[in-house]
Amino acid sequence: MREFLAEHLGVFDPEDIRILVRAFDQAWEAVQASGAVFETKAKADMARAILAKHIIAAAKEGELDEERLRDGALVVLAHLNLPATP
């Protein structure tokens, strides 16, 4: 998540960054808890990138509720149907 935030220096204050990182961490934990197993590290990295980019985009639009950020990112990831085995 932090590598994606580096592209947006000065956009978010420290508290916003804490919210975004927590939302991302919770989203990734939910993916792992779902039992999804990505076939390659590249696909897992792609899933993490999708989560991070959605959370950042939503925050740039003004959404800073941690749960809504997490849930929105999970919905986007689910709709993309990345190949993973349950």
Protein backbone atom coordinates (compact mmCIF):
# COMPACT_ATOMS: atom_id res chain seq x y z
CA MET A 1 0.00 0.00 0.00
CA ARG A 2 2.73 2.44 0.93
CA GLU A 3 4.39 2.12 -2.49
CA PHE A 4 1.13 3.24 -4.12
CA LEU A 5 0.74 6.10 -1.65
CA ALA A 6 4.23 7.32 -2.58
CA GLU A 7 2.75 8.38 -5.92
CA HIS A 8 0.38 10.71 -4.05
CA LEU A 9 2.73 12.62 -1.77
CA GLY A 10 1.08 15.66 -0.25
CA VAL A 11 -2.45 14.52 -1.11
CA PHE A 12 -3.20 12.88 2.24
CA ASP A 13 -2.37 13.93 5.78
CA PRO A 14 -0.86 11.44 8.25
CA GLU A 15 -4.24 10.46 9.76
CA ASP A 16 -5.69 9.87 6.28
CA ILE A 17 -2.73 7.63 5.48
CA ARG A 18 -3.32 5.62 8.64
CA ILE A 19 -6.96 5.13 7.60
CA LEU A 20 -6.00 4.05 4.09
CA VAL A 21 -3.37 1.61 5.31
CA ARG A 22 -5.78 0.08 7.85
CA ALA A 23 -8.50 -0.24 5.19
CA PHE A 24 -6.03 -1.94 2.86
CA ASP A 25 -4.74 -4.29 5.57
CA GLN A 26 -8.29 -5.26 6.52
CA ALA A 27 -9.23 -5.84 2.88
CA TRP A 28 -6.20 -8.08 2.31
CA GLU A 29 -6.92 -9.99 5.52
CA ALA A 30 -10.48 -10.57 4.26
CA VAL A 31 -9.13 -11.90 0.95
CA GLN A 32 -6.84 -14.29 2.78
CA ALA A 33 -9.58 -15.36 5.20
CA SER A 34 -11.83 -16.16 2.24
CA GLY A 35 -9.51 -19.01 1.37
CA ALA A 36 -8.54 -17.56 -2.01
CA VAL A 37 -5.18 -18.88 -3.16
CA PHE A 38 -3.56 -17.05 -6.03
CA GLU A 39 -1.78 -19.23 -8.56
CA THR A 40 1.28 -17.00 -8.69
CA LYS A 41 2.87 -14.23 -6.67
CA ALA A 42 2.21 -11.93 -9.63
CA LYS A 43 -1.53 -12.55 -9.36
CA ALA A 44 -1.47 -11.94 -5.61
CA ASP A 45 0.47 -8.73 -6.22
CA MET A 46 -2.11 -7.72 -8.84
CA ALA A 47 -4.92 -8.29 -6.35
CA ARG A 48 -3.11 -6.19 -3.74
CA ALA A 49 -2.56 -3.43 -6.31
CA ILE A 50 -6.25 -3.41 -7.23
CA LEU A 51 -7.22 -3.06 -3.58
CA ALA A 52 -4.70 -0.28 -2.97
CA LYS A 53 -5.56 1.69 -6.09
CA HIS A 54 -9.29 1.53 -5.39
CA ILE A 55 -8.82 2.68 -1.81
CA ILE A 56 -6.62 5.58 -2.89
CA ALA A 57 -9.01 6.62 -5.68
CA ALA A 58 -12.00 6.54 -3.34
CA ALA A 59 -10.11 8.56 -0.74
CA LYS A 60 -9.15 11.15 -3.36
CA GLU A 61 -12.88 11.50 -4.04
CA GLY A 62 -13.42 12.22 -0.35
CA GLU A 63 -14.26 8.81 1.12
CA LEU A 64 -12.34 8.36 4.35
CA ASP A 65 -14.52 5.85 6.17
CA GLU A 66 -12.29 2.85 6.77
CA GLU A 67 -15.04 0.25 6.45
CA ARG A 68 -16.47 1.73 3.24
CA LEU A 69 -12.98 1.93 1.75
CA ARG A 70 -12.33 -1.71 2.63
CA ASP A 71 -15.69 -2.94 1.41
CA GLY A 72 -15.56 -0.97 -1.82
CA ALA A 73 -12.13 -2.36 -2.65
CA LEU A 74 -13.33 -5.91 -1.96
CA VAL A 75 -16.34 -5.43 -4.23
CA VAL A 76 -14.11 -4.20 -7.06
CA LEU A 77 -11.75 -7.15 -6.61
CA ALA A 78 -14.64 -9.63 -6.54
CA HIS A 79 -16.09 -8.23 -9.76
CA LEU A 80 -12.78 -8.67 -11.59
CA ASN A 81 -12.80 -12.42 -10.99
CA LEU A 82 -9.04 -12.80 -10.79
CA PRO A 83 -8.10 -16.43 -11.21
CA ALA A 84 -7.71 -17.83 -7.73
CA THR A 85 -8.61 -21.15 -6.26
CA PRO A 86 -10.93 -21.20 -3.22
